[in-house]
Each structure stands twice: as C-alpha cells, then as structure tokens.
C-alpha cells in the first residue's frame, strides 16, 4: 500500500430497528516501509470493532457497505 493512501478509522454502531451507523473514530496512515500503520483515535469503540477504510479526499467519502460489514472475529488463543 502506498504511503500517500488516506485512511479513516470507524466503528459500526448497530441500531435497533435501523441500519448500522458508521461512527468515525480517527485516521490511520501506512508506514513508509509498507509494513504497518499508525492509528490516531479520538474515541474508543464500545464494541471493540475497528474498521479501517480508504477514502477519497476529493469527495471526503469512504466507500461503505453498511449492511455487509464484517462482524467482530472470534479470538483464537495461540497454541
């Protein structure tokens, strides 16, 4: 991933009787060597779910599929 890619950090808030809401938590930036990210959060998600998405700076919109987001993965203990 290029180091000039713009990334936003979200959590997905499930709402009773409504569609999920994408709440912006902050930004992320890829490291110059391409081997990781630095994440700057202004809030922490209650659910523990953090979603990082690329966005288009011109339109200031991140493509989101609110009805098909990935659920929180189950934690697997290391052997």
PDB file of N, CA and C in Angstrom:
ATOM      1  N   UNK A   1       0.848  -1.172   0.000  1.00  0.00           N
ATOM      2  CA  UNK A   1       0.000   0.000   0.000  1.00  0.00           C
ATOM      3  C   UNK A   1       0.890   1.231   0.000  1.00  0.00           C
ATOM      4  N   UNK A   2       0.559   2.178  -0.811  1.00  0.00           N
ATOM      5  CA  UNK A   2       1.305   3.423  -0.930  1.00  0.00           C
ATOM      6  C   UNK A   2       1.214   4.240   0.355  1.00  0.00           C
ATOM      7  N   UNK A   3       2.296   4.948   0.706  1.00  0.00           N
ATOM      8  CA  UNK A   3       2.301   5.736   1.939  1.00  0.00           C
ATOM      9  C   UNK A   3       1.442   6.992   1.831  1.00  0.00           C
ATOM     10  N   UNK A   4       0.948   7.321   0.621  1.00  0.00           N
ATOM     11  CA  UNK A   4       0.094   8.510   0.482  1.00  0.00           C
ATOM     12  C   UNK A   4      -1.393   8.162   0.482  1.00  0.00           C
ATOM     13  N   UNK A   5      -1.735   6.916   0.800  1.00  0.00           N
ATOM     14  CA  UNK A   5      -3.129   6.489   0.874  1.00  0.00           C
ATOM     15  C   UNK A   5      -3.768   7.123   2.106  1.00  0.00           C
ATOM     16  N   UNK A   6      -4.980   7.623   1.958  1.00  0.00           N
ATOM     17  CA  UNK A   6      -5.720   8.232   3.062  1.00  0.00           C
ATOM     18  C   UNK A   6      -6.651   7.185   3.664  1.00  0.00           C
ATOM     19  N   UNK A   7      -6.564   7.001   4.965  1.00  0.00           N
ATOM     20  CA  UNK A   7      -7.372   6.002   5.645  1.00  0.00           C
ATOM     21  C   UNK A   7      -8.144   6.634   6.796  1.00  0.00           C
ATOM     22  N   UNK A   8      -9.357   6.195   6.977  1.00  0.00           N
ATOM     23  CA  UNK A   8     -10.178   6.637   8.099  1.00  0.00           C
ATOM     24  C   UNK A   8     -10.494   5.427   8.972  1.00  0.00           C
ATOM     25  N   UNK A   9     -10.670   5.674  10.247  1.00  0.00           N
ATOM     26  CA  UNK A   9     -10.967   4.622  11.205  1.00  0.00           C
ATOM     27  C   UNK A   9     -12.395   4.820  11.721  1.00  0.00           C
ATOM     28  N   UNK A  10     -13.173   3.741  11.694  1.00  0.00           N
ATOM     29  CA  UNK A  10     -14.579   3.785  12.093  1.00  0.00           C
ATOM     30  C   UNK A  10     -14.888   2.647  13.057  1.00  0.00           C
ATOM     31  N   UNK A  11     -16.010   2.759  13.725  1.00  0.00           N
ATOM     32  CA  UNK A  11     -16.649   1.626  14.366  1.00  0.00           C
ATOM     33  C   UNK A  11     -18.075   1.587  13.824  1.00  0.00           C
ATOM     34  N   UNK A  12     -18.673   0.425  13.866  1.00  0.00           N
ATOM     35  CA  UNK A  12     -20.028   0.280  13.342  1.00  0.00           C
ATOM     36  C   UNK A  12     -20.970   0.101  14.516  1.00  0.00           C
ATOM     37  N   UNK A  13     -21.896   1.028  14.645  1.00  0.00           N
ATOM     38  CA  UNK A  13     -22.859   1.006  15.742  1.00  0.00           C
ATOM     39  C   UNK A  13     -24.147   0.373  15.236  1.00  0.00           C
ATOM     40  N   UNK A  14     -24.496  -0.766  15.818  1.00  0.00           N
ATOM     41  CA  UNK A  14     -25.746  -1.444  15.459  1.00  0.00           C
ATOM     42  C   UNK A  14     -26.899  -0.694  16.119  1.00  0.00           C
ATOM     43  N   UNK A  15     -27.972  -0.451  15.361  1.00  0.00           N
ATOM     44  CA  UNK A  15     -29.126   0.256  15.904  1.00  0.00           C
ATOM     45  C   UNK A  15     -30.372  -0.618  15.791  1.00  0.00           C
ATOM     46  N   UNK A  16     -31.136  -0.658  16.869  1.00  0.00           N
ATOM     47  CA  UNK A  16     -32.373  -1.435  16.877  1.00  0.00           C
ATOM     48  C   UNK A  16     -33.364  -0.779  15.919  1.00  0.00           C
ATOM     49  N   UNK A  17     -33.856  -1.559  14.975  1.00  0.00           N
ATOM     50  CA  UNK A  17     -34.845  -1.056  14.029  1.00  0.00           C
ATOM     51  C   UNK A  17     -34.284  -0.146  12.953  1.00  0.00           C
ATOM     52  N   UNK A  18     -32.981  -0.026  12.863  1.00  0.00           N
ATOM     53  CA  UNK A  18     -32.394   0.845  11.846  1.00  0.00           C
ATOM     54  C   UNK A  18     -31.143   0.225  11.257  1.00  0.00           C
ATOM     55  N   UNK A  19     -30.644   0.859  10.230  1.00  0.00           N
ATOM     56  CA  UNK A  19     -29.426   0.351   9.608  1.00  0.00           C
ATOM     57  C   UNK A  19     -28.213   0.717  10.468  1.00  0.00           C
ATOM     58  N   UNK A  20     -27.129  -0.039  10.350  1.00  0.00           N
ATOM     59  CA  UNK A  20     -25.924   0.254  11.129  1.00  0.00           C
ATOM     60  C   UNK A  20     -25.379   1.647  10.797  1.00  0.00           C
ATOM     61  N   UNK A  21     -24.776   2.278  11.779  1.00  0.00           N
ATOM     62  CA  UNK A  21     -24.218   3.619  11.627  1.00  0.00           C
ATOM     63  C   UNK A  21     -22.707   3.540  11.739  1.00  0.00           C
ATOM     64  N   UNK A  22     -21.991   4.126  10.770  1.00  0.00           N
ATOM     65  CA  UNK A  22     -20.536   4.151  10.777  1.00  0.00           C
ATOM     66  C   UNK A  22     -20.082   5.407  11.514  1.00  0.00           C
ATOM     67  N   UNK A  23     -19.492   5.226  12.686  1.00  0.00           N
ATOM     68  CA  UNK A  23     -19.032   6.326  13.519  1.00  0.00           C
ATOM     69  C   UNK A  23     -17.531   6.499  13.330  1.00  0.00           C
ATOM     70  N   UNK A  24     -17.125   7.683  12.882  1.00  0.00           N
ATOM     71  CA  UNK A  24     -15.702   7.929  12.644  1.00  0.00           C
ATOM     72  C   UNK A  24     -14.978   8.096  13.975  1.00  0.00           C
ATOM     73  N   UNK A  25     -13.871   7.355  14.130  1.00  0.00           N
ATOM     74  CA  UNK A  25     -13.070   7.396  15.340  1.00  0.00           C
ATOM     75  C   UNK A  25     -11.763   8.149  15.158  1.00  0.00           C
ATOM     76  N   UNK A  26     -11.254   8.213  13.926  1.00  0.00           N
ATOM     77  CA  UNK A  26      -9.963   8.860  13.698  1.00  0.00           C
ATOM     78  C   UNK A  26      -9.404   8.558  12.325  1.00  0.00           C
ATOM     79  N   UNK A  27      -8.077   8.590  12.240  1.00  0.00           N
ATOM     80  CA  UNK A  27      -7.361   8.384  10.977  1.00  0.00           C
ATOM     81  C   UNK A  27      -6.269   7.340  11.149  1.00  0.00           C
ATOM     82  N   UNK A  28      -5.815   6.811  10.026  1.00  0.00           N
ATOM     83  CA  UNK A  28      -4.684   5.882  10.017  1.00  0.00           C
ATOM     84  C   UNK A  28      -3.776   6.251   8.851  1.00  0.00           C
ATOM     85  N   UNK A  29      -2.488   5.973   9.014  1.00  0.00           N
ATOM     86  CA  UNK A  29      -1.516   6.259   7.956  1.00  0.00           C
ATOM     87  C   UNK A  29      -0.555   5.082   7.836  1.00  0.00           C
ATOM     88  N   UNK A  30      -0.361   4.589   6.607  1.00  0.00           N
ATOM     89  CA  UNK A  30       0.579   3.485   6.423  1.00  0.00           C
ATOM     90  C   UNK A  30       2.015   3.942   6.684  1.00  0.00           C
ATOM     91  N   UNK A  31       2.820   3.059   7.241  1.00  0.00           N
ATOM     92  CA  UNK A  31       4.232   3.357   7.436  1.00  0.00           C
ATOM     93  C   UNK A  31       4.936   3.411   6.081  1.00  0.00           C
ATOM     94  N   UNK A  32       5.991   4.165   6.011  1.00  0.00           N
ATOM     95  CA  UNK A  32       6.709   4.344   4.744  1.00  0.00           C
ATOM     96  C   UNK A  32       7.246   3.034   4.194  1.00  0.00           C
ATOM     97  N   UNK A  33       7.597   2.083   5.083  1.00  0.00           N
ATOM     98  CA  UNK A  33       8.116   0.801   4.598  1.00  0.00           C
ATOM     99  C   UNK A  33       7.001  -0.160   4.203  1.00  0.00           C
ATOM    100  N   UNK A  34       5.726   0.256   4.375  1.00  0.00           N
ATOM    101  CA  UNK A  34       4.588  -0.564   3.968  1.00  0.00           C
ATOM    102  C   UNK A  34       4.303  -1.740   4.876  1.00  0.00           C
ATOM    103  N   UNK A  35       4.913  -1.784   6.070  1.00  0.00           N
ATOM    104  CA  UNK A  35       4.759  -2.940   6.949  1.00  0.00           C
ATOM    105  C   UNK A  35       3.896  -2.687   8.172  1.00  0.00           C
ATOM    106  N   UNK A  36       3.083  -1.655   8.130  1.00  0.00           N
ATOM    107  CA  UNK A  36       2.213  -1.397   9.264  1.00  0.00           C
ATOM    108  C   UNK A  36       1.507  -0.065   9.134  1.00  0.00           C
ATOM    109  N   UNK A  37       0.815   0.330  10.192  1.00  0.00           N
ATOM    110  CA  UNK A  37       0.037   1.560  10.199  1.00  0.00           C
ATOM    111  C   UNK A  37       0.224   2.274  11.530  1.00  0.00           C
ATOM    112  N   UNK A  38       0.083   3.568  11.503  1.00  0.00           N
ATOM    113  CA  UNK A  38      -0.071   4.356  12.717  1.00  0.00           C
ATOM    114  C   UNK A  38      -1.522   4.795  12.756  1.00  0.00           C
ATOM    115  N   UNK A  39      -2.158   4.622  13.909  1.00  0.00           N
ATOM    116  CA  UNK A  39      -3.575   4.932  14.047  1.00  0.00           C
ATOM    117  C   UNK A  39      -3.737   6.000  15.125  1.00  0.00           C
ATOM    118  N   UNK A  40      -4.489   7.047  14.792  1.00  0.00           N
ATOM    119  CA  UNK A  40      -4.769   8.132  15.716  1.00  0.00           C
ATOM    120  C   UNK A  40      -6.272   8.127  15.978  1.00  0.00           C
ATOM    121  N   UNK A  41      -6.661   7.802  17.222  1.00  0.00           N
ATOM    122  CA  UNK A  41      -8.071   7.717  17.580  1.00  0.00           C
ATOM    123  C   UNK A  41      -8.466   8.878  18.477  1.00  0.00           C
ATOM    124  N   UNK A  42      -9.639   9.448  18.227  1.00  0.00           N
ATOM    125  CA  UNK A  42     -10.197  10.469  19.102  1.00  0.00           C
ATOM    126  C   UNK A  42     -11.199   9.853  20.084  1.00  0.00           C
ATOM    127  N   UNK A  43     -11.583   8.602  19.860  1.00  0.00           N
ATOM    128  CA  UNK A  43     -12.518   7.889  20.720  1.00  0.00           C
ATOM    129  C   UNK A  43     -12.232   6.396  20.604  1.00  0.00           C
ATOM    130  N   UNK A  44     -12.729   5.632  21.549  1.00  0.00           N
ATOM    131  CA  UNK A  44     -12.577   4.184  21.518  1.00  0.00           C
ATOM    132  C   UNK A  44     -13.949   3.543  21.343  1.00  0.00           C
ATOM    133  N   UNK A  45     -14.030   2.490  20.550  1.00  0.00           N
ATOM    134  CA  UNK A  45     -15.330   1.854  20.344  1.00  0.00           C
ATOM    135  C   UNK A  45     -15.739   1.012  21.546  1.00  0.00           C
ATOM    136  N   UNK A  46     -16.998   1.072  21.894  1.00  0.00           N
ATOM    137  CA  UNK A  46     -17.530   0.270  22.990  1.00  0.00           C
ATOM    138  C   UNK A  46     -17.501  -1.206  22.613  1.00  0.00           C
ATOM    139  N   UNK A  47     -17.813  -1.507  21.356  1.00  0.00           N
ATOM    140  CA  UNK A  47     -17.897  -2.895  20.901  1.00  0.00           C
ATOM    141  C   UNK A  47     -16.536  -3.541  20.690  1.00  0.00           C
ATOM    142  N   UNK A  48     -15.491  -2.735  20.560  1.00  0.00           N
ATOM    143  CA  UNK A  48     -14.168  -3.268  20.250  1.00  0.00           C
ATOM    144  C   UNK A  48     -13.909  -3.399  18.760  1.00  0.00           C
ATOM    145  N   UNK A  49     -14.912  -3.178  17.927  1.00  0.00           N
ATOM    146  CA  UNK A  49     -14.768  -3.298  16.480  1.00  0.00           C
ATOM    147  C   UNK A  49     -14.195  -2.013  15.897  1.00  0.00           C
ATOM    148  N   UNK A  50     -13.069  -2.141  15.195  1.00  0.00           N
ATOM    149  CA  UNK A  50     -12.464  -1.010  14.495  1.00  0.00           C
ATOM    150  C   UNK A  50     -12.350  -1.392  13.022  1.00  0.00           C
ATOM    151  N   UNK A  51     -12.820  -0.508  12.152  1.00  0.00           N
ATOM    152  CA  UNK A  51     -12.774  -0.725  10.704  1.00  0.00           C
ATOM    153  C   UNK A  51     -11.917   0.387  10.096  1.00  0.00           C
ATOM    154  N   UNK A  52     -10.935   0.015   9.286  1.00  0.00           N
ATOM    155  CA  UNK A  52     -10.081   0.992   8.609  1.00  0.00           C
ATOM    156  C   UNK A  52     -10.408   0.936   7.126  1.00  0.00           C
ATOM    157  N   UNK A  53     -10.776   2.093   6.571  1.00  0.00           N
ATOM    158  CA  UNK A  53     -11.183   2.160   5.163  1.00  0.00           C
ATOM    159  C   UNK A  53     -10.443   3.279   4.453  1.00  0.00           C
ATOM    160  N   UNK A  54     -10.103   3.011   3.192  1.00  0.00           N
ATOM    161  CA  UNK A  54      -9.520   4.039   2.339  1.00  0.00           C
ATOM    162  C   UNK A  54     -10.624   5.008   1.944  1.00  0.00           C
ATOM    163  N   UNK A  55     -10.282   6.295   1.832  1.00  0.00           N
ATOM    164  CA  UNK A  55     -11.286   7.259   1.397  1.00  0.00           C
ATOM    165  C   UNK A  55     -10.722   8.189   0.349  1.00  0.00           C
ATOM    166  N   UNK A  56     -11.630   8.796  -0.391  1.00  0.00           N
ATOM    167  CA  UNK A  56     -11.288   9.729  -1.454  1.00  0.00           C
ATOM    168  C   UNK A  56     -11.322  11.136  -0.870  1.00  0.00           C
ATOM    169  N   UNK A  57     -10.165  11.785  -0.811  1.00  0.00           N
ATOM    170  CA  UNK A  57     -10.072  13.101  -0.193  1.00  0.00           C
ATOM    171  C   UNK A  57     -10.910  14.145  -0.924  1.00  0.00           C
ATOM    172  N   UNK A  58     -11.048  14.013  -2.242  1.00  0.00           N
ATOM    173  CA  UNK A  58     -11.817  14.993  -3.017  1.00  0.00           C
ATOM    174  C   UNK A  58     -13.289  14.979  -2.628  1.00  0.00           C
ATOM    175  N   UNK A  59     -13.857  13.783  -2.503  1.00  0.00           N
ATOM    176  CA  UNK A  59     -15.274  13.705  -2.151  1.00  0.00           C
ATOM    177  C   UNK A  59     -15.475  13.550  -0.650  1.00  0.00           C
ATOM    178  N   UNK A  60     -14.360  13.304   0.096  1.00  0.00           N
ATOM    179  CA  UNK A  60     -14.389  13.127   1.544  1.00  0.00           C
ATOM    180  C   UNK A  60     -15.347  12.017   1.962  1.00  0.00           C
ATOM    181  N   UNK A  61     -15.388  10.962   1.137  1.00  0.00           N
ATOM    182  CA  UNK A  61     -16.297   9.844   1.403  1.00  0.00           C
ATOM    183  C   UNK A  61     -15.520   8.538   1.375  1.00  0.00           C
ATOM    184  N   UNK A  62     -15.795   7.676   2.332  1.00  0.00           N
ATOM    185  CA  UNK A  62     -15.233   6.327   2.331  1.00  0.00           C
ATOM    186  C   UNK A  62     -16.306   5.372   1.838  1.00  0.00           C
ATOM    187  N   UNK A  63     -15.973   4.475   0.890  1.00  0.00           N
ATOM    188  CA  UNK A  63     -16.980   3.521   0.431  1.00  0.00           C
ATOM    189  C   UNK A  63     -17.331   2.555   1.553  1.00  0.00           C
ATOM    190  N   UNK A  64     -18.622   2.439   1.856  1.00  0.00           N
ATOM    191  CA  UNK A  64     -19.054   1.588   2.959  1.00  0.00           C
ATOM    192  C   UNK A  64     -20.225   0.730   2.535  1.00  0.00           C
ATOM    193  N   UNK A  65     -20.183  -0.506   2.933  1.00  0.00           N
ATOM    194  CA  UNK A  65     -21.316  -1.405   2.728  1.00  0.00           C
ATOM    195  C   UNK A  65     -21.906  -1.667   4.107  1.00  0.00           C
ATOM    196  N   UNK A  66     -22.804  -0.822   4.537  1.00  0.00           N
ATOM    197  CA  UNK A  66     -23.294  -0.901   5.911  1.00  0.00           C
ATOM    198  C   UNK A  66     -24.061  -2.171   6.215  1.00  0.00           C
ATOM    199  N   UNK A  67     -24.674  -2.775   5.220  1.00  0.00           N
ATOM    200  CA  UNK A  67     -25.434  -3.987   5.503  1.00  0.00           C
ATOM    201  C   UNK A  67     -24.582  -5.243   5.379  1.00  0.00           C
ATOM    202  N   UNK A  68     -23.331  -5.104   4.956  1.00  0.00           N
ATOM    203  CA  UNK A  68     -22.485  -6.277   4.745  1.00  0.00           C
ATOM    204  C   UNK A  68     -21.151  -6.165   5.476  1.00  0.00           C
ATOM    205  N   UNK A  69     -21.098  -5.372   6.539  1.00  0.00           N
ATOM    206  CA  UNK A  69     -19.824  -5.228   7.243  1.00  0.00           C
ATOM    207  C   UNK A  69     -19.462  -6.530   7.944  1.00  0.00           C
ATOM    208  N   UNK A  70     -18.168  -6.696   8.133  1.00  0.00           N
ATOM    209  CA  UNK A  70     -17.695  -7.907   8.788  1.00  0.00           C
ATOM    210  C   UNK A  70     -17.945  -7.819  10.286  1.00  0.00           C
ATOM    211  N   UNK A  71     -18.361  -8.904  10.844  1.00  0.00           N
ATOM    212  CA  UNK A  71     -18.594  -8.964  12.282  1.00  0.00           C
ATOM    213  C   UNK A  71     -17.251  -9.105  12.999  1.00  0.00           C
ATOM    214  N   UNK A  72     -17.283  -8.878  14.286  1.00  0.00           N
ATOM    215  CA  UNK A  72     -16.066  -8.998  15.084  1.00  0.00           C
ATOM    216  C   UNK A  72     -15.578 -10.445  15.018  1.00  0.00           C
ATOM    217  N   UNK A  73     -14.311 -10.656  14.649  1.00  0.00           N
ATOM    218  CA  UNK A  73     -13.808 -12.028  14.577  1.00  0.00           C
ATOM    219  C   UNK A  73     -13.664 -12.613  15.986  1.00  0.00           C
ATOM    220  N   UNK A  74     -13.855 -13.895  16.096  1.00  0.00           N
ATOM    221  CA  UNK A  74     -13.669 -14.561  17.383  1.00  0.00           C
ATOM    222  C   UNK A  74     -12.179 -14.649  17.670  1.00  0.00           C
ATOM    223  N   UNK A  75     -11.808 -14.446  18.925  1.00  0.00           N
ATOM    224  CA  UNK A  75     -10.408 -14.527  19.298  1.00  0.00           C
ATOM    225  C   UNK A  75      -9.999 -15.987  19.404  1.00  0.00           C
ATOM    226  N   UNK A  76      -8.828 -16.306  18.878  1.00  0.00           N
ATOM    227  CA  UNK A  76      -8.308 -17.668  18.924  1.00  0.00           C
ATOM    228  C   UNK A  76      -7.035 -17.623  19.751  1.00  0.00           C
ATOM    229  N   UNK A  77      -6.960 -18.453  20.756  1.00  0.00           N
ATOM    230  CA  UNK A  77      -5.779 -18.487  21.608  1.00  0.00           C
ATOM    231  C   UNK A  77      -4.630 -19.156  20.869  1.00  0.00           C
ATOM    232  N   UNK A  78      -3.428 -18.607  21.058  1.00  0.00           N
ATOM    233  CA  UNK A  78      -2.229 -19.192  20.448  1.00  0.00           C
ATOM    234  C   UNK A  78      -1.893 -20.491  21.154  1.00  0.00           C
ATOM    235  N   UNK A  79      -1.421 -21.462  20.381  1.00  0.00           N
ATOM    236  CA  UNK A  79      -1.077 -22.774  20.947  1.00  0.00           C
ATOM    237  C   UNK A  79       0.232 -22.732  21.696  1.00  0.00           C
TER     238      UNK A  79
END
